[in-house]
Amino acid sequence: MGYDDKASNKVDDMAGKAKEGLGKATGDDKLESEGKTDQSKSDVKEQARKLKDKAEGMGRSVSDG
């Protein structure tokens, strides 16, 4: 995982924020909820990406040692 995943997660987050905002503006509770869900999914994917990157870094430092 790298920059592509990070960018993809950011796009998903921004799309979720847009959905949430549109849902609030139009009174569409379902769309607002979908937007919040999309943002949560993006947050989880981003945290997983960070953990994987950290684990890969630890693996490199152990093999370098």
PDB file of N, CA and C in Angstrom:
ATOM      1  N   MET A   1       0.855  -1.184   0.000  1.00  0.00           N
ATOM      2  CA  MET A   1       0.000   0.000   0.000  1.00  0.00           C
ATOM      3  C   MET A   1       0.889   1.232   0.000  1.00  0.00           C
ATOM      4  N   GLY A   2       0.469   2.220  -0.698  1.00  0.00           N
ATOM      5  CA  GLY A   2       1.290   3.402  -0.751  1.00  0.00           C
ATOM      6  C   GLY A   2       0.463   4.625  -1.059  1.00  0.00           C
ATOM      7  N   TYR A   3       1.048   5.452  -1.901  1.00  0.00           N
ATOM      8  CA  TYR A   3       0.408   6.719  -2.211  1.00  0.00           C
ATOM      9  C   TYR A   3      -0.925   6.536  -2.928  1.00  0.00           C
ATOM     10  N   ASP A   4      -1.034   5.504  -3.777  1.00  0.00           N
ATOM     11  CA  ASP A   4      -2.287   5.257  -4.483  1.00  0.00           C
ATOM     12  C   ASP A   4      -3.422   4.978  -3.503  1.00  0.00           C
ATOM     13  N   ASP A   5      -3.144   4.152  -2.504  1.00  0.00           N
ATOM     14  CA  ASP A   5      -4.167   3.830  -1.508  1.00  0.00           C
ATOM     15  C   ASP A   5      -4.514   5.050  -0.670  1.00  0.00           C
ATOM     16  N   LYS A   6      -3.506   5.823  -0.330  1.00  0.00           N
ATOM     17  CA  LYS A   6      -3.748   7.024   0.469  1.00  0.00           C
ATOM     18  C   LYS A   6      -4.632   7.999  -0.303  1.00  0.00           C
ATOM     19  N   ALA A   7      -4.339   8.174  -1.585  1.00  0.00           N
ATOM     20  CA  ALA A   7      -5.139   9.074  -2.420  1.00  0.00           C
ATOM     21  C   ALA A   7      -6.555   8.545  -2.572  1.00  0.00           C
ATOM     22  N   SER A   8      -6.677   7.241  -2.777  1.00  0.00           N
ATOM     23  CA  SER A   8      -7.996   6.629  -2.920  1.00  0.00           C
ATOM     24  C   SER A   8      -8.830   6.814  -1.652  1.00  0.00           C
ATOM     25  N   ASN A   9      -8.195   6.641  -0.502  1.00  0.00           N
ATOM     26  CA  ASN A   9      -8.893   6.822   0.765  1.00  0.00           C
ATOM     27  C   ASN A   9      -9.351   8.264   0.932  1.00  0.00           C
ATOM     28  N   LYS A  10      -8.521   9.207   0.510  1.00  0.00           N
ATOM     29  CA  LYS A  10      -8.876  10.628   0.620  1.00  0.00           C
ATOM     30  C   LYS A  10     -10.058  10.950  -0.290  1.00  0.00           C
ATOM     31  N   VAL A  11     -10.048  10.395  -1.504  1.00  0.00           N
ATOM     32  CA  VAL A  11     -11.162  10.606  -2.435  1.00  0.00           C
ATOM     33  C   VAL A  11     -12.454  10.038  -1.845  1.00  0.00           C
ATOM     34  N   ASP A  12     -12.369   8.832  -1.265  1.00  0.00           N
ATOM     35  CA  ASP A  12     -13.546   8.217  -0.646  1.00  0.00           C
ATOM     36  C   ASP A  12     -14.066   9.078   0.500  1.00  0.00           C
ATOM     37  N   ASP A  13     -13.153   9.630   1.285  1.00  0.00           N
ATOM     38  CA  ASP A  13     -13.540  10.480   2.407  1.00  0.00           C
ATOM     39  C   ASP A  13     -14.243  11.750   1.910  1.00  0.00           C
ATOM     40  N   MET A  14     -13.675  12.370   0.888  1.00  0.00           N
ATOM     41  CA  MET A  14     -14.272  13.600   0.360  1.00  0.00           C
ATOM     42  C   MET A  14     -15.636  13.320  -0.272  1.00  0.00           C
ATOM     43  N   ALA A  15     -15.773  12.179  -0.944  1.00  0.00           N
ATOM     44  CA  ALA A  15     -17.060  11.807  -1.527  1.00  0.00           C
ATOM     45  C   ALA A  15     -18.096  11.590  -0.417  1.00  0.00           C
ATOM     46  N   GLY A  16     -17.660  10.971   0.666  1.00  0.00           N
ATOM     47  CA  GLY A  16     -18.560  10.761   1.804  1.00  0.00           C
ATOM     48  C   GLY A  16     -19.007  12.073   2.415  1.00  0.00           C
ATOM     49  N   LYS A  17     -18.079  13.016   2.525  1.00  0.00           N
ATOM     50  CA  LYS A  17     -18.433  14.332   3.060  1.00  0.00           C
ATOM     51  C   LYS A  17     -19.422  15.047   2.149  1.00  0.00           C
ATOM     52  N   ALA A  18     -19.225  14.894   0.841  1.00  0.00           N
ATOM     53  CA  ALA A  18     -20.144  15.513  -0.114  1.00  0.00           C
ATOM     54  C   ALA A  18     -21.540  14.901   0.012  1.00  0.00           C
ATOM     55  N   LYS A  19     -21.592  13.576   0.102  1.00  0.00           N
ATOM     56  CA  LYS A  19     -22.887  12.901   0.265  1.00  0.00           C
ATOM     57  C   LYS A  19     -23.573  13.353   1.545  1.00  0.00           C
ATOM     58  N   GLU A  20     -22.806  13.404   2.624  1.00  0.00           N
ATOM     59  CA  GLU A  20     -23.377  13.820   3.909  1.00  0.00           C
ATOM     60  C   GLU A  20     -23.927  15.244   3.803  1.00  0.00           C
ATOM     61  N   GLY A  21     -23.145  16.128   3.221  1.00  0.00           N
ATOM     62  CA  GLY A  21     -23.579  17.522   3.087  1.00  0.00           C
ATOM     63  C   GLY A  21     -24.806  17.661   2.212  1.00  0.00           C
ATOM     64  N   LEU A  22     -24.844  16.924   1.117  1.00  0.00           N
ATOM     65  CA  LEU A  22     -26.004  16.969   0.234  1.00  0.00           C
ATOM     66  C   LEU A  22     -27.234  16.406   0.939  1.00  0.00           C
ATOM     67  N   GLY A  23     -27.022  15.344   1.686  1.00  0.00           N
ATOM     68  CA  GLY A  23     -28.129  14.759   2.453  1.00  0.00           C
ATOM     69  C   GLY A  23     -28.687  15.732   3.478  1.00  0.00           C
ATOM     70  N   LYS A  24     -27.804  16.447   4.168  1.00  0.00           N
ATOM     71  CA  LYS A  24     -28.251  17.452   5.142  1.00  0.00           C
ATOM     72  C   LYS A  24     -28.996  18.579   4.451  1.00  0.00           C
ATOM     73  N   ALA A  25     -28.456  19.031   3.308  1.00  0.00           N
ATOM     74  CA  ALA A  25     -29.048  20.169   2.596  1.00  0.00           C
ATOM     75  C   ALA A  25     -30.434  19.846   2.034  1.00  0.00           C
ATOM     76  N   THR A  26     -30.614  18.597   1.643  1.00  0.00           N
ATOM     77  CA  THR A  26     -31.887  18.214   1.023  1.00  0.00           C
ATOM     78  C   THR A  26     -32.837  17.516   1.991  1.00  0.00           C
ATOM     79  N   GLY A  27     -32.367  17.279   3.202  1.00  0.00           N
ATOM     80  CA  GLY A  27     -33.206  16.592   4.181  1.00  0.00           C
ATOM     81  C   GLY A  27     -33.307  15.095   3.927  1.00  0.00           C
ATOM     82  N   ASP A  28     -32.359  14.558   3.167  1.00  0.00           N
ATOM     83  CA  ASP A  28     -32.342  13.133   2.835  1.00  0.00           C
ATOM     84  C   ASP A  28     -31.493  12.400   3.876  1.00  0.00           C
ATOM     85  N   ASP A  29     -32.155  11.847   4.880  1.00  0.00           N
ATOM     86  CA  ASP A  29     -31.450  11.178   5.973  1.00  0.00           C
ATOM     87  C   ASP A  29     -30.647   9.971   5.496  1.00  0.00           C
ATOM     88  N   LYS A  30     -31.188   9.255   4.500  1.00  0.00           N
ATOM     89  CA  LYS A  30     -30.491   8.076   3.986  1.00  0.00           C
ATOM     90  C   LYS A  30     -29.172   8.478   3.324  1.00  0.00           C
ATOM     91  N   LEU A  31     -29.199   9.515   2.497  1.00  0.00           N
ATOM     92  CA  LEU A  31     -27.980   9.981   1.829  1.00  0.00           C
ATOM     93  C   LEU A  31     -26.971  10.498   2.844  1.00  0.00           C
ATOM     94  N   GLU A  32     -27.445  11.209   3.844  1.00  0.00           N
ATOM     95  CA  GLU A  32     -26.560  11.707   4.900  1.00  0.00           C
ATOM     96  C   GLU A  32     -25.889  10.546   5.622  1.00  0.00           C
ATOM     97  N   SER A  33     -26.665   9.517   5.923  1.00  0.00           N
ATOM     98  CA  SER A  33     -26.133   8.339   6.609  1.00  0.00           C
ATOM     99  C   SER A  33     -25.120   7.606   5.732  1.00  0.00           C
ATOM    100  N   GLU A  34     -25.417   7.489   4.433  1.00  0.00           N
ATOM    101  CA  GLU A  34     -24.479   6.845   3.517  1.00  0.00           C
ATOM    102  C   GLU A  34     -23.153   7.606   3.487  1.00  0.00           C
ATOM    103  N   GLY A  35     -23.233   8.917   3.508  1.00  0.00           N
ATOM    104  CA  GLY A  35     -22.022   9.729   3.511  1.00  0.00           C
ATOM    105  C   GLY A  35     -21.179   9.492   4.747  1.00  0.00           C
ATOM    106  N   LYS A  36     -21.836   9.429   5.890  1.00  0.00           N
ATOM    107  CA  LYS A  36     -21.112   9.164   7.137  1.00  0.00           C
ATOM    108  C   LYS A  36     -20.481   7.771   7.110  1.00  0.00           C
ATOM    109  N   THR A  37     -21.215   6.798   6.544  1.00  0.00           N
ATOM    110  CA  THR A  37     -20.692   5.434   6.437  1.00  0.00           C
ATOM    111  C   THR A  37     -19.471   5.397   5.523  1.00  0.00           C
ATOM    112  N   ASP A  38     -19.551   6.101   4.395  1.00  0.00           N
ATOM    113  CA  ASP A  38     -18.416   6.158   3.471  1.00  0.00           C
ATOM    114  C   ASP A  38     -17.191   6.751   4.158  1.00  0.00           C
ATOM    115  N   GLN A  39     -17.395   7.779   4.957  1.00  0.00           N
ATOM    116  CA  GLN A  39     -16.274   8.401   5.671  1.00  0.00           C
ATOM    117  C   GLN A  39     -15.670   7.436   6.676  1.00  0.00           C
ATOM    118  N   SER A  40     -16.525   6.698   7.371  1.00  0.00           N
ATOM    119  CA  SER A  40     -16.032   5.728   8.352  1.00  0.00           C
ATOM    120  C   SER A  40     -15.227   4.629   7.674  1.00  0.00           C
ATOM    121  N   LYS A  41     -15.722   4.139   6.538  1.00  0.00           N
ATOM    122  CA  LYS A  41     -14.990   3.107   5.793  1.00  0.00           C
ATOM    123  C   LYS A  41     -13.624   3.637   5.355  1.00  0.00           C
ATOM    124  N   SER A  42     -13.602   4.862   4.895  1.00  0.00           N
ATOM    125  CA  SER A  42     -12.351   5.478   4.467  1.00  0.00           C
ATOM    126  C   SER A  42     -11.376   5.578   5.631  1.00  0.00           C
ATOM    127  N   ASP A  43     -11.874   5.962   6.797  1.00  0.00           N
ATOM    128  CA  ASP A  43     -11.019   6.065   7.990  1.00  0.00           C
ATOM    129  C   ASP A  43     -10.423   4.708   8.358  1.00  0.00           C
ATOM    130  N   VAL A  44     -11.235   3.655   8.298  1.00  0.00           N
ATOM    131  CA  VAL A  44     -10.757   2.312   8.637  1.00  0.00           C
ATOM    132  C   VAL A  44      -9.684   1.867   7.643  1.00  0.00           C
ATOM    133  N   LYS A  45      -9.935   2.101   6.344  1.00  0.00           N
ATOM    134  CA  LYS A  45      -8.948   1.722   5.330  1.00  0.00           C
ATOM    135  C   LYS A  45      -7.646   2.494   5.513  1.00  0.00           C
ATOM    136  N   GLU A  46      -7.745   3.757   5.873  1.00  0.00           N
ATOM    137  CA  GLU A  46      -6.537   4.571   6.067  1.00  0.00           C
ATOM    138  C   GLU A  46      -5.746   4.080   7.275  1.00  0.00           C
ATOM    139  N   GLN A  47      -6.429   3.728   8.352  1.00  0.00           N
ATOM    140  CA  GLN A  47      -5.735   3.202   9.529  1.00  0.00           C
ATOM    141  C   GLN A  47      -5.056   1.876   9.204  1.00  0.00           C
ATOM    142  N   ALA A  48      -5.725   1.022   8.424  1.00  0.00           N
ATOM    143  CA  ALA A  48      -5.129  -0.255   8.023  1.00  0.00           C
ATOM    144  C   ALA A  48      -3.890  -0.016   7.161  1.00  0.00           C
ATOM    145  N   ARG A  49      -3.948   0.973   6.272  1.00  0.00           N
ATOM    146  CA  ARG A  49      -2.809   1.305   5.424  1.00  0.00           C
ATOM    147  C   ARG A  49      -1.622   1.753   6.268  1.00  0.00           C
ATOM    148  N   LYS A  50      -1.906   2.591   7.268  1.00  0.00           N
ATOM    149  CA  LYS A  50      -0.840   3.081   8.148  1.00  0.00           C
ATOM    150  C   LYS A  50      -0.199   1.935   8.932  1.00  0.00           C
ATOM    151  N   LEU A  51      -1.030   1.024   9.439  1.00  0.00           N
ATOM    152  CA  LEU A  51      -0.498  -0.118  10.185  1.00  0.00           C
ATOM    153  C   LEU A  51       0.369  -1.004   9.297  1.00  0.00           C
ATOM    154  N   LYS A  52      -0.100  -1.242   8.068  1.00  0.00           N
ATOM    155  CA  LYS A  52       0.670  -2.078   7.154  1.00  0.00           C
ATOM    156  C   LYS A  52       2.001  -1.413   6.819  1.00  0.00           C
ATOM    157  N   ASP A  53       1.972  -0.107   6.553  1.00  0.00           N
ATOM    158  CA  ASP A  53       3.212   0.611   6.260  1.00  0.00           C
ATOM    159  C   ASP A  53       4.180   0.539   7.435  1.00  0.00           C
ATOM    160  N   LYS A  54       3.637   0.670   8.644  1.00  0.00           N
ATOM    161  CA  LYS A  54       4.484   0.604   9.839  1.00  0.00           C
ATOM    162  C   LYS A  54       5.081  -0.797   9.993  1.00  0.00           C
ATOM    163  N   ALA A  55       4.268  -1.827   9.763  1.00  0.00           N
ATOM    164  CA  ALA A  55       4.753  -3.197   9.885  1.00  0.00           C
ATOM    165  C   ALA A  55       5.827  -3.486   8.836  1.00  0.00           C
ATOM    166  N   GLU A  56       5.618  -2.990   7.611  1.00  0.00           N
ATOM    167  CA  GLU A  56       6.627  -3.194   6.573  1.00  0.00           C
ATOM    168  C   GLU A  56       7.928  -2.488   6.947  1.00  0.00           C
ATOM    169  N   GLY A  57       7.822  -1.313   7.528  1.00  0.00           N
ATOM    170  CA  GLY A  57       9.022  -0.584   7.967  1.00  0.00           C
ATOM    171  C   GLY A  57       9.755  -1.315   9.064  1.00  0.00           C
ATOM    172  N   MET A  58       8.990  -1.914   9.982  1.00  0.00           N
ATOM    173  CA  MET A  58       9.626  -2.675  11.065  1.00  0.00           C
ATOM    174  C   MET A  58      10.333  -3.900  10.496  1.00  0.00           C
ATOM    175  N   GLY A  59       9.731  -4.539   9.512  1.00  0.00           N
ATOM    176  CA  GLY A  59      10.341  -5.713   8.889  1.00  0.00           C
ATOM    177  C   GLY A  59      11.647  -5.358   8.198  1.00  0.00           C
ATOM    178  N   ARG A  60      11.684  -4.201   7.548  1.00  0.00           N
ATOM    179  CA  ARG A  60      12.909  -3.770   6.878  1.00  0.00           C
ATOM    180  C   ARG A  60      14.001  -3.468   7.906  1.00  0.00           C
ATOM    181  N   SER A  61      13.627  -2.839   9.030  1.00  0.00           N
ATOM    182  CA  SER A  61      14.635  -2.482  10.017  1.00  0.00           C
ATOM    183  C   SER A  61      15.204  -3.724  10.704  1.00  0.00           C
ATOM    184  N   VAL A  62      14.395  -4.749  10.870  1.00  0.00           N
ATOM    185  CA  VAL A  62      14.878  -5.995  11.469  1.00  0.00           C
ATOM    186  C   VAL A  62      15.836  -6.695  10.512  1.00  0.00           C
ATOM    187  N   SER A  63      15.481  -6.711   9.219  1.00  0.00           N
ATOM    188  CA  SER A  63      16.357  -7.396   8.254  1.00  0.00           C
ATOM    189  C   SER A  63      17.630  -6.607   7.993  1.00  0.00           C
ATOM    190  N   ASP A  64      17.603  -5.299   8.222  1.00  0.00           N
ATOM    191  CA  ASP A  64      18.801  -4.471   8.056  1.00  0.00           C
ATOM    192  C   ASP A  64      19.760  -4.616   9.249  1.00  0.00           C
ATOM    193  N   GLY A  65      19.183  -5.003  10.391  1.00  0.00           N
ATOM    194  CA  GLY A  65      19.956  -5.046  11.630  1.00  0.00           C
ATOM    195  C   GLY A  65      20.851  -6.183  11.690  1.00  0.00           C
TER     196      GLY A  65
END
